[in-house]
PDB file of N, CA and C in Angstrom:
ATOM      1  N   MET A   1      -5.275  -4.126 -23.107  1.00  0.00           N
ATOM      2  CA  MET A   1      -5.428  -2.544 -22.466  1.00  0.00           C
ATOM      3  C   MET A   1      -6.056  -1.616 -23.355  1.00  0.00           C
ATOM      4  N   ASN A   2      -7.636  -2.041 -23.626  1.00  0.00           N
ATOM      5  CA  ASN A   2      -8.082  -1.049 -24.364  1.00  0.00           C
ATOM      6  C   ASN A   2      -8.494   0.342 -23.324  1.00  0.00           C
ATOM      7  N   GLN A   3      -8.643   0.089 -22.150  1.00  0.00           N
ATOM      8  CA  GLN A   3      -8.828   1.085 -20.980  1.00  0.00           C
ATOM      9  C   GLN A   3      -7.575   1.646 -20.537  1.00  0.00           C
ATOM     10  N   SER A   4      -7.796   3.322 -20.512  1.00  0.00           N
ATOM     11  CA  SER A   4      -6.898   4.032 -20.138  1.00  0.00           C
ATOM     12  C   SER A   4      -7.080   4.039 -18.272  1.00  0.00           C
ATOM     13  N   LEU A   5      -5.583   4.214 -17.969  1.00  0.00           N
ATOM     14  CA  LEU A   5      -5.968   4.175 -16.311  1.00  0.00           C
ATOM     15  C   LEU A   5      -6.250   5.567 -16.121  1.00  0.00           C
ATOM     16  N   LYS A   6      -7.141   5.267 -15.010  1.00  0.00           N
ATOM     17  CA  LYS A   6      -7.529   6.688 -14.550  1.00  0.00           C
ATOM     18  C   LYS A   6      -6.996   7.015 -13.238  1.00  0.00           C
ATOM     19  N   VAL A   7      -6.456   8.244 -12.659  1.00  0.00           N
ATOM     20  CA  VAL A   7      -5.573   8.700 -11.923  1.00  0.00           C
ATOM     21  C   VAL A   7      -6.467   9.544 -10.827  1.00  0.00           C
ATOM     22  N   LEU A   8      -6.599   9.574  -9.587  1.00  0.00           N
ATOM     23  CA  LEU A   8      -7.154  10.544  -8.570  1.00  0.00           C
ATOM     24  C   LEU A   8      -6.014  11.256  -8.024  1.00  0.00           C
ATOM     25  N   VAL A   9      -5.909  12.605  -8.386  1.00  0.00           N
ATOM     26  CA  VAL A   9      -4.710  13.042  -7.826  1.00  0.00           C
ATOM     27  C   VAL A   9      -5.499  14.626  -6.869  1.00  0.00           C
ATOM     28  N   VAL A  10      -5.405  14.357  -5.668  1.00  0.00           N
ATOM     29  CA  VAL A  10      -5.805  14.510  -4.735  1.00  0.00           C
ATOM     30  C   VAL A  10      -4.706  15.992  -4.077  1.00  0.00           C
ATOM     31  N   ASP A  11      -4.736  16.911  -3.975  1.00  0.00           N
ATOM     32  CA  ASP A  11      -3.649  18.036  -3.463  1.00  0.00           C
ATOM     33  C   ASP A  11      -4.219  19.555  -3.062  1.00  0.00           C
ATOM     34  N   ASP A  12      -4.036  20.043  -2.120  1.00  0.00           N
ATOM     35  CA  ASP A  12      -4.835  21.374  -1.924  1.00  0.00           C
ATOM     36  C   ASP A  12      -3.939  22.315  -2.604  1.00  0.00           C
ATOM     37  N   SER A  13      -2.588  22.216  -3.393  1.00  0.00           N
ATOM     38  CA  SER A  13      -2.132  22.875  -3.928  1.00  0.00           C
ATOM     39  C   SER A  13      -2.041  22.473  -5.555  1.00  0.00           C
ATOM     40  N   ARG A  14      -2.535  23.799  -6.137  1.00  0.00           N
ATOM     41  CA  ARG A  14      -2.941  23.735  -7.389  1.00  0.00           C
ATOM     42  C   ARG A  14      -1.883  23.192  -8.605  1.00  0.00           C
ATOM     43  N   VAL A  15      -0.507  23.793  -7.864  1.00  0.00           N
ATOM     44  CA  VAL A  15       0.583  23.643  -8.790  1.00  0.00           C
ATOM     45  C   VAL A  15       1.079  22.486  -8.856  1.00  0.00           C
ATOM     46  N   SER A  16       0.906  21.662  -7.528  1.00  0.00           N
ATOM     47  CA  SER A  16       1.228  20.250  -7.181  1.00  0.00           C
ATOM     48  C   SER A  16       0.552  19.400  -8.157  1.00  0.00           C
ATOM     49  N   ARG A  17      -1.076  19.523  -7.883  1.00  0.00           N
ATOM     50  CA  ARG A  17      -1.757  18.791  -8.730  1.00  0.00           C
ATOM     51  C   ARG A  17      -1.293  18.735 -10.527  1.00  0.00           C
ATOM     52  N   MET A  18      -1.038  20.365 -10.696  1.00  0.00           N
ATOM     53  CA  MET A  18      -0.758  20.362 -12.270  1.00  0.00           C
ATOM     54  C   MET A  18       0.482  19.816 -12.658  1.00  0.00           C
ATOM     55  N   MET A  19       1.585  19.816 -11.479  1.00  0.00           N
ATOM     56  CA  MET A  19       2.724  19.152 -11.616  1.00  0.00           C
ATOM     57  C   MET A  19       2.577  17.744 -11.726  1.00  0.00           C
ATOM     58  N   SER A  20       2.115  16.953 -10.889  1.00  0.00           N
ATOM     59  CA  SER A  20       1.636  15.359 -10.555  1.00  0.00           C
ATOM     60  C   SER A  20       0.765  15.083 -11.854  1.00  0.00           C
ATOM     61  N   SER A  21      -0.141  15.860 -12.521  1.00  0.00           N
ATOM     62  CA  SER A  21      -1.145  15.678 -13.642  1.00  0.00           C
ATOM     63  C   SER A  21      -0.111  15.313 -15.073  1.00  0.00           C
ATOM     64  N   ALA A  22       0.795  16.505 -15.056  1.00  0.00           N
ATOM     65  CA  ALA A  22       1.661  16.604 -16.064  1.00  0.00           C
ATOM     66  C   ALA A  22       2.515  15.148 -16.275  1.00  0.00           C
ATOM     67  N   MET A  23       3.119  15.083 -15.217  1.00  0.00           N
ATOM     68  CA  MET A  23       4.575  14.134 -15.086  1.00  0.00           C
ATOM     69  C   MET A  23       3.630  12.644 -15.290  1.00  0.00           C
ATOM     70  N   ILE A  24       2.074  12.362 -14.882  1.00  0.00           N
ATOM     71  CA  ILE A  24       1.643  11.036 -15.168  1.00  0.00           C
ATOM     72  C   ILE A  24       1.431  10.955 -16.364  1.00  0.00           C
ATOM     73  N   LYS A  25       0.856  11.748 -17.041  1.00  0.00           N
ATOM     74  CA  LYS A  25       0.661  12.088 -18.616  1.00  0.00           C
ATOM     75  C   LYS A  25       2.048  11.932 -19.463  1.00  0.00           C
ATOM     76  N   SER A  26       2.976  12.598 -19.047  1.00  0.00           N
ATOM     77  CA  SER A  26       4.289  12.358 -19.781  1.00  0.00           C
ATOM     78  C   SER A  26       4.711  10.697 -19.754  1.00  0.00           C
ATOM     79  N   ILE A  27       4.356  10.190 -18.274  1.00  0.00           N
ATOM     80  CA  ILE A  27       5.181   8.732 -18.269  1.00  0.00           C
ATOM     81  C   ILE A  27       3.617   7.577 -18.687  1.00  0.00           C
ATOM     82  N   ARG A  28       2.640   8.088 -18.683  1.00  0.00           N
ATOM     83  CA  ARG A  28       1.669   7.001 -19.110  1.00  0.00           C
ATOM     84  C   ARG A  28       0.728   7.893 -20.057  1.00  0.00           C
ATOM     85  N   ALA A  29       1.117   8.122 -21.362  1.00  0.00           N
ATOM     86  CA  ALA A  29       0.452   9.024 -22.007  1.00  0.00           C
ATOM     87  C   ALA A  29      -1.284   8.956 -22.315  1.00  0.00           C
ATOM     88  N   GLY A  30      -1.788   7.614 -21.872  1.00  0.00           N
ATOM     89  CA  GLY A  30      -2.922   7.308 -22.152  1.00  0.00           C
ATOM     90  C   GLY A  30      -3.562   7.825 -20.900  1.00  0.00           C
ATOM     91  N   ALA A  31      -3.057   8.415 -19.545  1.00  0.00           N
ATOM     92  CA  ALA A  31      -3.718   8.359 -18.729  1.00  0.00           C
ATOM     93  C   ALA A  31      -4.729   9.427 -18.509  1.00  0.00           C
ATOM     94  N   GLU A  32      -6.156   8.937 -17.936  1.00  0.00           N
ATOM     95  CA  GLU A  32      -7.131   9.930 -17.393  1.00  0.00           C
ATOM     96  C   GLU A  32      -6.879  10.668 -16.032  1.00  0.00           C
ATOM     97  N   ILE A  33      -7.058  11.900 -15.845  1.00  0.00           N
ATOM     98  CA  ILE A  33      -6.357  12.367 -14.581  1.00  0.00           C
ATOM     99  C   ILE A  33      -7.679  12.985 -14.224  1.00  0.00           C
ATOM    100  N   VAL A  34      -7.889  12.921 -12.817  1.00  0.00           N
ATOM    101  CA  VAL A  34      -9.306  13.475 -12.113  1.00  0.00           C
ATOM    102  C   VAL A  34      -8.820  14.204 -10.933  1.00  0.00           C
ATOM    103  N   GLU A  35      -8.515  15.579 -10.716  1.00  0.00           N
ATOM    104  CA  GLU A  35      -8.106  16.186  -9.674  1.00  0.00           C
ATOM    105  C   GLU A  35      -9.116  16.317  -8.494  1.00  0.00           C
ATOM    106  N   ALA A  36      -8.692  16.894  -7.499  1.00  0.00           N
ATOM    107  CA  ALA A  36      -9.548  17.312  -6.135  1.00  0.00           C
ATOM    108  C   ALA A  36      -8.676  17.823  -5.521  1.00  0.00           C
ATOM    109  N   ASP A  37      -9.163  19.091  -4.919  1.00  0.00           N
ATOM    110  CA  ASP A  37      -8.154  19.670  -4.093  1.00  0.00           C
ATOM    111  C   ASP A  37      -8.551  19.692  -2.613  1.00  0.00           C
ATOM    112  N   ASN A  38      -9.292  18.854  -2.438  1.00  0.00           N
ATOM    113  CA  ASN A  38      -9.637  18.473  -0.642  1.00  0.00           C
ATOM    114  C   ASN A  38     -10.364  16.809  -0.902  1.00  0.00           C
ATOM    115  N   GLY A  39     -10.524  16.279   0.250  1.00  0.00           N
ATOM    116  CA  GLY A  39     -10.984  15.005   0.341  1.00  0.00           C
ATOM    117  C   GLY A  39     -12.496  15.474   0.144  1.00  0.00           C
ATOM    118  N   ASP A  40     -13.086  16.001   0.555  1.00  0.00           N
ATOM    119  CA  ASP A  40     -14.582  16.208   0.071  1.00  0.00           C
ATOM    120  C   ASP A  40     -14.988  15.823  -1.480  1.00  0.00           C
ATOM    121  N   ALA A  41     -14.091  16.948  -2.330  1.00  0.00           N
ATOM    122  CA  ALA A  41     -14.156  17.032  -3.412  1.00  0.00           C
ATOM    123  C   ALA A  41     -13.897  15.657  -3.909  1.00  0.00           C
ATOM    124  N   ALA A  42     -12.557  15.068  -3.613  1.00  0.00           N
ATOM    125  CA  ALA A  42     -11.965  13.802  -4.081  1.00  0.00           C
ATOM    126  C   ALA A  42     -13.448  12.761  -3.973  1.00  0.00           C
ATOM    127  N   LEU A  43     -13.942  12.552  -2.730  1.00  0.00           N
ATOM    128  CA  LEU A  43     -15.179  11.576  -2.747  1.00  0.00           C
ATOM    129  C   LEU A  43     -16.201  11.927  -3.661  1.00  0.00           C
ATOM    130  N   VAL A  44     -16.516  13.136  -3.974  1.00  0.00           N
ATOM    131  CA  VAL A  44     -17.366  13.131  -4.933  1.00  0.00           C
ATOM    132  C   VAL A  44     -16.755  12.792  -6.275  1.00  0.00           C
ATOM    133  N   ALA A  45     -15.898  13.546  -6.499  1.00  0.00           N
ATOM    134  CA  ALA A  45     -15.053  12.912  -7.541  1.00  0.00           C
ATOM    135  C   ALA A  45     -14.935  11.722  -8.042  1.00  0.00           C
ATOM    136  N   GLN A  46     -14.530  10.748  -6.984  1.00  0.00           N
ATOM    137  CA  GLN A  46     -14.329   9.252  -7.159  1.00  0.00           C
ATOM    138  C   GLN A  46     -15.715   8.644  -7.512  1.00  0.00           C
ATOM    139  N   GLN A  47     -16.583   8.784  -6.562  1.00  0.00           N
ATOM    140  CA  GLN A  47     -18.213   8.572  -7.124  1.00  0.00           C
ATOM    141  C   GLN A  47     -18.589   8.816  -8.462  1.00  0.00           C
ATOM    142  N   ALA A  48     -17.912  10.438  -8.991  1.00  0.00           N
ATOM    143  CA  ALA A  48     -18.708  10.216 -10.366  1.00  0.00           C
ATOM    144  C   ALA A  48     -17.905   9.523 -11.431  1.00  0.00           C
ATOM    145  N   THR A  49     -16.470   9.744 -11.329  1.00  0.00           N
ATOM    146  CA  THR A  49     -15.554   8.813 -12.504  1.00  0.00           C
ATOM    147  C   THR A  49     -14.669   7.834 -11.494  1.00  0.00           C
ATOM    148  N   PRO A  50     -15.254   6.879 -11.216  1.00  0.00           N
ATOM    149  CA  PRO A  50     -14.145   6.033 -10.479  1.00  0.00           C
ATOM    150  C   PRO A  50     -13.092   5.736 -11.189  1.00  0.00           C
ATOM    151  N   CYS A  51     -11.803   6.254 -10.313  1.00  0.00           N
ATOM    152  CA  CYS A  51     -10.613   6.033 -10.502  1.00  0.00           C
ATOM    153  C   CYS A  51      -9.661   4.708 -10.448  1.00  0.00           C
ATOM    154  N   ASP A  52      -9.015   4.099 -11.032  1.00  0.00           N
ATOM    155  CA  ASP A  52      -8.247   2.979 -10.581  1.00  0.00           C
ATOM    156  C   ASP A  52      -7.259   3.213  -9.291  1.00  0.00           C
ATOM    157  N   ILE A  53      -6.791   4.337  -8.830  1.00  0.00           N
ATOM    158  CA  ILE A  53      -5.560   4.694  -8.180  1.00  0.00           C
ATOM    159  C   ILE A  53      -5.467   5.980  -7.633  1.00  0.00           C
ATOM    160  N   GLY A  54      -5.063   6.269  -6.587  1.00  0.00           N
ATOM    161  CA  GLY A  54      -5.038   7.481  -6.251  1.00  0.00           C
ATOM    162  C   GLY A  54      -3.822   7.782  -5.432  1.00  0.00           C
ATOM    163  N   ILE A  55      -3.549   8.964  -5.798  1.00  0.00           N
ATOM    164  CA  ILE A  55      -2.412   9.834  -5.271  1.00  0.00           C
ATOM    165  C   ILE A  55      -2.875  10.718  -4.296  1.00  0.00           C
ATOM    166  N   LEU A  56      -2.403  11.129  -2.875  1.00  0.00           N
ATOM    167  CA  LEU A  56      -3.126  11.895  -1.966  1.00  0.00           C
ATOM    168  C   LEU A  56      -2.035  12.508  -1.413  1.00  0.00           C
ATOM    169  N   ASP A  57      -2.363  13.927  -0.799  1.00  0.00           N
ATOM    170  CA  ASP A  57      -1.338  14.827  -0.216  1.00  0.00           C
ATOM    171  C   ASP A  57      -2.146  14.461   1.302  1.00  0.00           C
ATOM    172  N   MET A  58      -1.301  14.647   2.666  1.00  0.00           N
ATOM    173  CA  MET A  58      -1.415  14.417   3.839  1.00  0.00           C
ATOM    174  C   MET A  58      -2.015  15.285   4.254  1.00  0.00           C
ATOM    175  N   ASN A  59      -1.392  16.736   4.221  1.00  0.00           N
ATOM    176  CA  ASN A  59      -1.994  18.084   5.229  1.00  0.00           C
ATOM    177  C   ASN A  59      -2.615  18.417   4.082  1.00  0.00           C
ATOM    178  N   MET A  60      -3.972  18.769   4.264  1.00  0.00           N
ATOM    179  CA  MET A  60      -5.165  19.355   3.615  1.00  0.00           C
ATOM    180  C   MET A  60      -6.012  19.925   4.266  1.00  0.00           C
ATOM    181  N   PRO A  61      -6.746  21.120   3.827  1.00  0.00           N
ATOM    182  CA  PRO A  61      -7.884  21.743   4.637  1.00  0.00           C
ATOM    183  C   PRO A  61      -9.072  20.484   4.697  1.00  0.00           C
ATOM    184  N   GLY A  62      -9.669  20.555   5.862  1.00  0.00           N
ATOM    185  CA  GLY A  62     -10.628  19.240   5.945  1.00  0.00           C
ATOM    186  C   GLY A  62     -10.167  18.157   6.681  1.00  0.00           C
ATOM    187  N   MET A  63     -10.252  16.873   5.620  1.00  0.00           N
ATOM    188  CA  MET A  63      -9.530  15.770   6.085  1.00  0.00           C
ATOM    189  C   MET A  63      -8.351  15.559   5.924  1.00  0.00           C
ATOM    190  N   THR A  64      -7.527  14.881   6.205  1.00  0.00           N
ATOM    191  CA  THR A  64      -6.383  14.702   5.783  1.00  0.00           C
ATOM    192  C   THR A  64      -6.187  13.744   4.727  1.00  0.00           C
ATOM    193  N   GLY A  65      -5.074  13.586   4.397  1.00  0.00           N
ATOM    194  CA  GLY A  65      -5.042  12.106   3.311  1.00  0.00           C
ATOM    195  C   GLY A  65      -5.347  10.659   3.635  1.00  0.00           C
ATOM    196  N   LEU A  66      -4.822  10.672   4.980  1.00  0.00           N
ATOM    197  CA  LEU A  66      -4.971   8.931   5.535  1.00  0.00           C
ATOM    198  C   LEU A  66      -6.479   9.057   5.812  1.00  0.00           C
ATOM    199  N   GLU A  67      -6.912  10.035   6.032  1.00  0.00           N
ATOM    200  CA  GLU A  67      -8.671   9.965   6.546  1.00  0.00           C
ATOM    201  C   GLU A  67      -9.303   9.826   4.961  1.00  0.00           C
ATOM    202  N   LEU A  68      -8.713  10.739   4.280  1.00  0.00           N
ATOM    203  CA  LEU A  68      -9.679  10.334   2.594  1.00  0.00           C
ATOM    204  C   LEU A  68      -9.247   8.976   2.189  1.00  0.00           C
ATOM    205  N   ALA A  69      -8.011   8.230   2.565  1.00  0.00           N
ATOM    206  CA  ALA A  69      -7.641   7.027   2.289  1.00  0.00           C
ATOM    207  C   ALA A  69      -8.772   6.151   2.935  1.00  0.00           C
ATOM    208  N   ALA A  70      -9.045   5.877   4.285  1.00  0.00           N
ATOM    209  CA  ALA A  70      -9.975   5.323   4.706  1.00  0.00           C
ATOM    210  C   ALA A  70     -11.453   5.525   4.147  1.00  0.00           C
ATOM    211  N   HIS A  71     -11.688   6.688   3.612  1.00  0.00           N
ATOM    212  CA  HIS A  71     -13.034   6.987   2.874  1.00  0.00           C
ATOM    213  C   HIS A  71     -13.188   6.036   1.514  1.00  0.00           C
ATOM    214  N   LEU A  72     -11.969   6.419   0.919  1.00  0.00           N
ATOM    215  CA  LEU A  72     -11.723   5.451  -0.487  1.00  0.00           C
ATOM    216  C   LEU A  72     -11.516   4.005  -0.218  1.00  0.00           C
ATOM    217  N   HIS A  73     -11.328   3.353   0.898  1.00  0.00           N
ATOM    218  CA  HIS A  73     -11.413   2.304   0.663  1.00  0.00           C
ATOM    219  C   HIS A  73     -12.574   1.688   1.181  1.00  0.00           C
ATOM    220  N   GLN A  74     -13.414   2.155   1.747  1.00  0.00           N
ATOM    221  CA  GLN A  74     -14.807   1.932   2.138  1.00  0.00           C
ATOM    222  C   GLN A  74     -15.307   1.928   0.936  1.00  0.00           C
ATOM    223  N   LEU A  75     -14.984   2.931  -0.129  1.00  0.00           N
ATOM    224  CA  LEU A  75     -16.047   2.648  -1.463  1.00  0.00           C
ATOM    225  C   LEU A  75     -15.199   1.337  -2.397  1.00  0.00           C
ATOM    226  N   ASN A  76     -14.067   1.593  -2.303  1.00  0.00           N
ATOM    227  CA  ASN A  76     -13.442   0.291  -2.928  1.00  0.00           C
ATOM    228  C   ASN A  76     -12.204  -0.064  -2.364  1.00  0.00           C
ATOM    229  N   PRO A  77     -12.654  -1.063  -1.597  1.00  0.00           N
ATOM    230  CA  PRO A  77     -11.252  -1.565  -0.859  1.00  0.00           C
ATOM    231  C   PRO A  77      -9.926  -2.311  -1.677  1.00  0.00           C
ATOM    232  N   ASP A  78     -10.029  -2.234  -2.553  1.00  0.00           N
ATOM    233  CA  ASP A  78      -9.120  -2.882  -3.488  1.00  0.00           C
ATOM    234  C   ASP A  78      -8.107  -1.783  -4.220  1.00  0.00           C
ATOM    235  N   MET A  79      -8.784  -0.541  -4.042  1.00  0.00           N
ATOM    236  CA  MET A  79      -8.161   0.731  -4.790  1.00  0.00           C
ATOM    237  C   MET A  79      -6.645   0.954  -4.264  1.00  0.00           C
ATOM    238  N   PRO A  80      -5.833   0.849  -5.064  1.00  0.00           N
ATOM    239  CA  PRO A  80      -4.120   1.326  -4.648  1.00  0.00           C
ATOM    240  C   PRO A  80      -3.977   2.812  -4.490  1.00  0.00           C
ATOM    241  N   LEU A  81      -3.642   2.909  -3.491  1.00  0.00           N
ATOM    242  CA  LEU A  81      -3.300   4.695  -3.057  1.00  0.00           C
ATOM    243  C   LEU A  81      -1.971   4.466  -2.362  1.00  0.00           C
ATOM    244  N   ALA A  82      -1.542   5.882  -2.750  1.00  0.00           N
ATOM    245  CA  ALA A  82      -0.327   6.272  -2.731  1.00  0.00           C
ATOM    246  C   ALA A  82      -0.725   7.542  -1.764  1.00  0.00           C
ATOM    247  N   LEU A  83       0.333   7.863  -0.645  1.00  0.00           N
ATOM    248  CA  LEU A  83       0.674   9.402  -0.247  1.00  0.00           C
ATOM    249  C   LEU A  83       1.658  10.206  -0.523  1.00  0.00           C
ATOM    250  N   LEU A  84       1.344  11.073  -1.029  1.00  0.00           N
ATOM    251  CA  LEU A  84       2.722  11.929  -1.496  1.00  0.00           C
ATOM    252  C   LEU A  84       2.512  12.948  -0.622  1.00  0.00           C
ATOM    253  N   THR A  85       3.686  13.349   0.012  1.00  0.00           N
ATOM    254  CA  THR A  85       3.619  14.190   0.955  1.00  0.00           C
ATOM    255  C   THR A  85       4.987  14.858   1.413  1.00  0.00           C
ATOM    256  N   ALA A  86       4.982  15.905   2.124  1.00  0.00           N
ATOM    257  CA  ALA A  86       6.178  16.536   2.766  1.00  0.00           C
ATOM    258  C   ALA A  86       6.285  16.263   4.142  1.00  0.00           C
ATOM    259  N   ASN A  87       5.414  15.630   4.431  1.00  0.00           N
ATOM    260  CA  ASN A  87       5.205  15.347   5.876  1.00  0.00           C
ATOM    261  C   ASN A  87       5.913  14.017   6.512  1.00  0.00           C
ATOM    262  N   VAL A  88       7.016  13.812   6.312  1.00  0.00           N
ATOM    263  CA  VAL A  88       7.761  12.681   6.507  1.00  0.00           C
ATOM    264  C   VAL A  88       7.837  12.483   7.883  1.00  0.00           C
ATOM    265  N   GLN A  89       7.112  12.372   9.025  1.00  0.00           N
ATOM    266  CA  GLN A  89       6.838  12.021  10.448  1.00  0.00           C
ATOM    267  C   GLN A  89       6.785  10.601  10.421  1.00  0.00           C
ATOM    268  N   ASP A  90       7.479   9.844  11.235  1.00  0.00           N
ATOM    269  CA  ASP A  90       7.452   8.525  11.059  1.00  0.00           C
ATOM    270  C   ASP A  90       5.886   8.022  11.813  1.00  0.00           C
ATOM    271  N   SER A  91       5.039   8.723  12.265  1.00  0.00           N
ATOM    272  CA  SER A  91       3.889   8.317  12.990  1.00  0.00           C
ATOM    273  C   SER A  91       3.318   8.665  11.436  1.00  0.00           C
ATOM    274  N   VAL A  92       3.182   9.343  10.737  1.00  0.00           N
ATOM    275  CA  VAL A  92       2.743   9.646   9.402  1.00  0.00           C
ATOM    276  C   VAL A  92       2.801   8.035   8.546  1.00  0.00           C
ATOM    277  N   ARG A  93       4.038   7.658   8.516  1.00  0.00           N
ATOM    278  CA  ARG A  93       4.403   6.496   7.703  1.00  0.00           C
ATOM    279  C   ARG A  93       4.086   5.343   8.013  1.00  0.00           C
ATOM    280  N   ASN A  94       3.968   5.262   9.737  1.00  0.00           N
ATOM    281  CA  ASN A  94       3.340   4.051   9.942  1.00  0.00           C
ATOM    282  C   ASN A  94       1.907   4.027  10.121  1.00  0.00           C
ATOM    283  N   ARG A  95       1.137   4.905  10.119  1.00  0.00           N
ATOM    284  CA  ARG A  95      -0.205   5.188  10.058  1.00  0.00           C
ATOM    285  C   ARG A  95      -0.190   4.667   8.517  1.00  0.00           C
ATOM    286  N   ALA A  96       0.452   5.182   7.323  1.00  0.00           N
ATOM    287  CA  ALA A  96       0.557   5.000   6.123  1.00  0.00           C
ATOM    288  C   ALA A  96       0.285   3.649   5.799  1.00  0.00           C
ATOM    289  N   ASP A  97       1.147   2.721   6.585  1.00  0.00           N
ATOM    290  CA  ASP A  97       1.527   1.251   6.575  1.00  0.00           C
ATOM    291  C   ASP A  97       0.040   0.589   6.894  1.00  0.00           C
ATOM    292  N   GLU A  98      -0.068   0.795   8.085  1.00  0.00           N
ATOM    293  CA  GLU A  98      -1.378   0.081   8.506  1.00  0.00           C
ATOM    294  C   GLU A  98      -2.559   0.572   8.005  1.00  0.00           C
ATOM    295  N   GLU A  99      -2.997   1.411   6.966  1.00  0.00           N
ATOM    296  CA  GLU A  99      -3.680   1.442   6.271  1.00  0.00           C
ATOM    297  C   GLU A  99      -3.799   1.041   4.983  1.00  0.00           C
ATOM    298  N   GLY A 100      -2.471   0.182   4.448  1.00  0.00           N
ATOM    299  CA  GLY A 100      -1.984  -0.078   3.241  1.00  0.00           C
ATOM    300  C   GLY A 100      -1.689   0.826   2.144  1.00  0.00           C
ATOM    301  N   VAL A 101      -1.604   1.878   2.609  1.00  0.00           N
ATOM    302  CA  VAL A 101      -1.454   3.184   1.665  1.00  0.00           C
ATOM    303  C   VAL A 101       0.161   3.233   1.465  1.00  0.00           C
ATOM    304  N   HIS A 102       0.453   3.289   0.144  1.00  0.00           N
ATOM    305  CA  HIS A 102       1.654   3.515   0.006  1.00  0.00           C
ATOM    306  C   HIS A 102       2.738   4.729   0.438  1.00  0.00           C
ATOM    307  N   PHE A 103       3.759   5.273   0.868  1.00  0.00           N
ATOM    308  CA  PHE A 103       4.102   6.215   1.187  1.00  0.00           C
ATOM    309  C   PHE A 103       5.481   6.756   0.320  1.00  0.00           C
ATOM    310  N   PHE A 104       5.072   7.956  -0.192  1.00  0.00           N
ATOM    311  CA  PHE A 104       6.003   8.907  -0.815  1.00  0.00           C
ATOM    312  C   PHE A 104       6.759  10.082  -0.533  1.00  0.00           C
ATOM    313  N   ARG A 105       7.671  10.232  -0.721  1.00  0.00           N
ATOM    314  CA  ARG A 105       8.146  11.667  -0.184  1.00  0.00           C
ATOM    315  C   ARG A 105       8.382  12.793  -1.089  1.00  0.00           C
ATOM    316  N   LYS A 106       7.736  14.200  -1.211  1.00  0.00           N
ATOM    317  CA  LYS A 106       7.999  14.873  -1.911  1.00  0.00           C
ATOM    318  C   LYS A 106       9.389  15.618  -1.823  1.00  0.00           C
ATOM    319  N   PRO A 107       9.953  16.194  -2.690  1.00  0.00           N
ATOM    320  CA  PRO A 107       8.848  17.159  -3.819  1.00  0.00           C
ATOM    321  C   PRO A 107       8.799  16.397  -4.977  1.00  0.00           C
ATOM    322  N   ILE A 108       7.839  16.919  -5.754  1.00  0.00           N
ATOM    323  CA  ILE A 108       7.258  16.145  -7.042  1.00  0.00           C
ATOM    324  C   ILE A 108       8.283  15.855  -7.764  1.00  0.00           C
ATOM    325  N   ARG A 109       8.672  14.798  -8.259  1.00  0.00           N
ATOM    326  CA  ARG A 109       9.883  14.767  -9.332  1.00  0.00           C
ATOM    327  C   ARG A 109       9.159  13.438  -9.965  1.00  0.00           C
ATOM    328  N   GLU A 110       9.527  13.668 -11.469  1.00  0.00           N
ATOM    329  CA  GLU A 110       9.285  12.470 -12.706  1.00  0.00           C
ATOM    330  C   GLU A 110       9.779  11.008 -11.855  1.00  0.00           C
ATOM    331  N   GLU A 111      10.774  10.785 -11.219  1.00  0.00           N
ATOM    332  CA  GLU A 111      10.906   9.637 -10.747  1.00  0.00           C
ATOM    333  C   GLU A 111      10.290   9.147  -9.718  1.00  0.00           C
ATOM    334  N   VAL A 112       9.925  10.171  -8.784  1.00  0.00           N
ATOM    335  CA  VAL A 112       8.793   9.766  -7.765  1.00  0.00           C
ATOM    336  C   VAL A 112       7.482   9.209  -8.099  1.00  0.00           C
ATOM    337  N   ILE A 113       6.816  10.122  -9.326  1.00  0.00           N
ATOM    338  CA  ILE A 113       5.665   9.662  -9.982  1.00  0.00           C
ATOM    339  C   ILE A 113       5.874   8.779 -10.689  1.00  0.00           C
ATOM    340  N   GLY A 114       6.899   8.239 -11.458  1.00  0.00           N
ATOM    341  CA  GLY A 114       7.031   6.996 -11.830  1.00  0.00           C
ATOM    342  C   GLY A 114       7.158   5.450 -11.117  1.00  0.00           C
ATOM    343  N   GLN A 115       7.846   6.292  -9.965  1.00  0.00           N
ATOM    344  CA  GLN A 115       7.970   5.095  -8.761  1.00  0.00           C
ATOM    345  C   GLN A 115       6.089   4.439  -8.319  1.00  0.00           C
ATOM    346  N   ILE A 116       5.390   5.621  -7.955  1.00  0.00           N
ATOM    347  CA  ILE A 116       4.013   5.569  -7.841  1.00  0.00           C
ATOM    348  C   ILE A 116       3.260   4.631  -8.788  1.00  0.00           C
ATOM    349  N   LEU A 117       3.617   4.997 -10.182  1.00  0.00           N
ATOM    350  CA  LEU A 117       2.604   4.455 -10.941  1.00  0.00           C
ATOM    351  C   LEU A 117       3.227   2.988 -11.298  1.00  0.00           C
ATOM    352  N   ASP A 118       4.369   2.566 -10.927  1.00  0.00           N
ATOM    353  CA  ASP A 118       4.988   1.558 -11.190  1.00  0.00           C
ATOM    354  C   ASP A 118       4.240   0.484  -9.867  1.00  0.00           C
ATOM    355  N   THR A 119       4.350   1.085  -8.646  1.00  0.00           N
ATOM    356  CA  THR A 119       3.812   0.592  -7.785  1.00  0.00           C
ATOM    357  C   THR A 119       2.509   0.317  -7.413  1.00  0.00           C
ATOM    358  N   LEU A 120       1.544   1.315  -7.876  1.00  0.00           N
ATOM    359  CA  LEU A 120       0.469   1.174  -7.586  1.00  0.00           C
ATOM    360  C   LEU A 120      -0.412   0.599  -9.176  1.00  0.00           C
ATOM    361  N   ALA A 121       0.231   0.576 -10.412  1.00  0.00           N
ATOM    362  CA  ALA A 121      -0.396   0.252 -11.433  1.00  0.00           C
ATOM    363  C   ALA A 121       0.411  -0.511 -12.501  1.00  0.00           C
ATOM    364  N   PRO A 122       1.401  -1.435 -11.922  1.00  0.00           N
ATOM    365  CA  PRO A 122       2.640  -1.653 -12.934  1.00  0.00           C
ATOM    366  C   PRO A 122       2.112  -2.537 -14.395  1.00  0.00           C
ATOM    367  N   GLN A 123       0.971  -2.701 -14.634  1.00  0.00           N
ATOM    368  CA  GLN A 123       0.573  -3.735 -15.827  1.00  0.00           C
ATOM    369  C   GLN A 123      -0.285  -2.754 -16.915  1.00  0.00           C
ATOM    370  N   ARG A 124      -0.355  -1.603 -16.172  1.00  0.00           N
ATOM    371  CA  ARG A 124      -1.457  -0.722 -17.126  1.00  0.00           C
ATOM    372  C   ARG A 124      -0.434   0.331 -17.877  1.00  0.00           C
TER     373      ARG A 124
END
């Protein structure tokens, strides 16, 4: 395990990105975090610094988290993704399932971030 885990964190809220990043680093000390505040920035970031997993918000300016997930899966079909959102409608959850994106409910808490990391990157 010489290579550190690279995590793409995408949320239009700076505070949410900071909280998620701090919790990821607390749980996985060697993790490298790449942050983006929208889908377009996330795609640019992923191409510049390919990440192992992604944690995406649903409601952002421009494309939604699920639209971003589809684009990320075009770049890397095997990239594990999580949707971390306050939008808990059944339709969003069902679409996430259809897209192969794991669904997690906000608020951002260390327990939830731990579950995401255990689900998306259990061995790292």
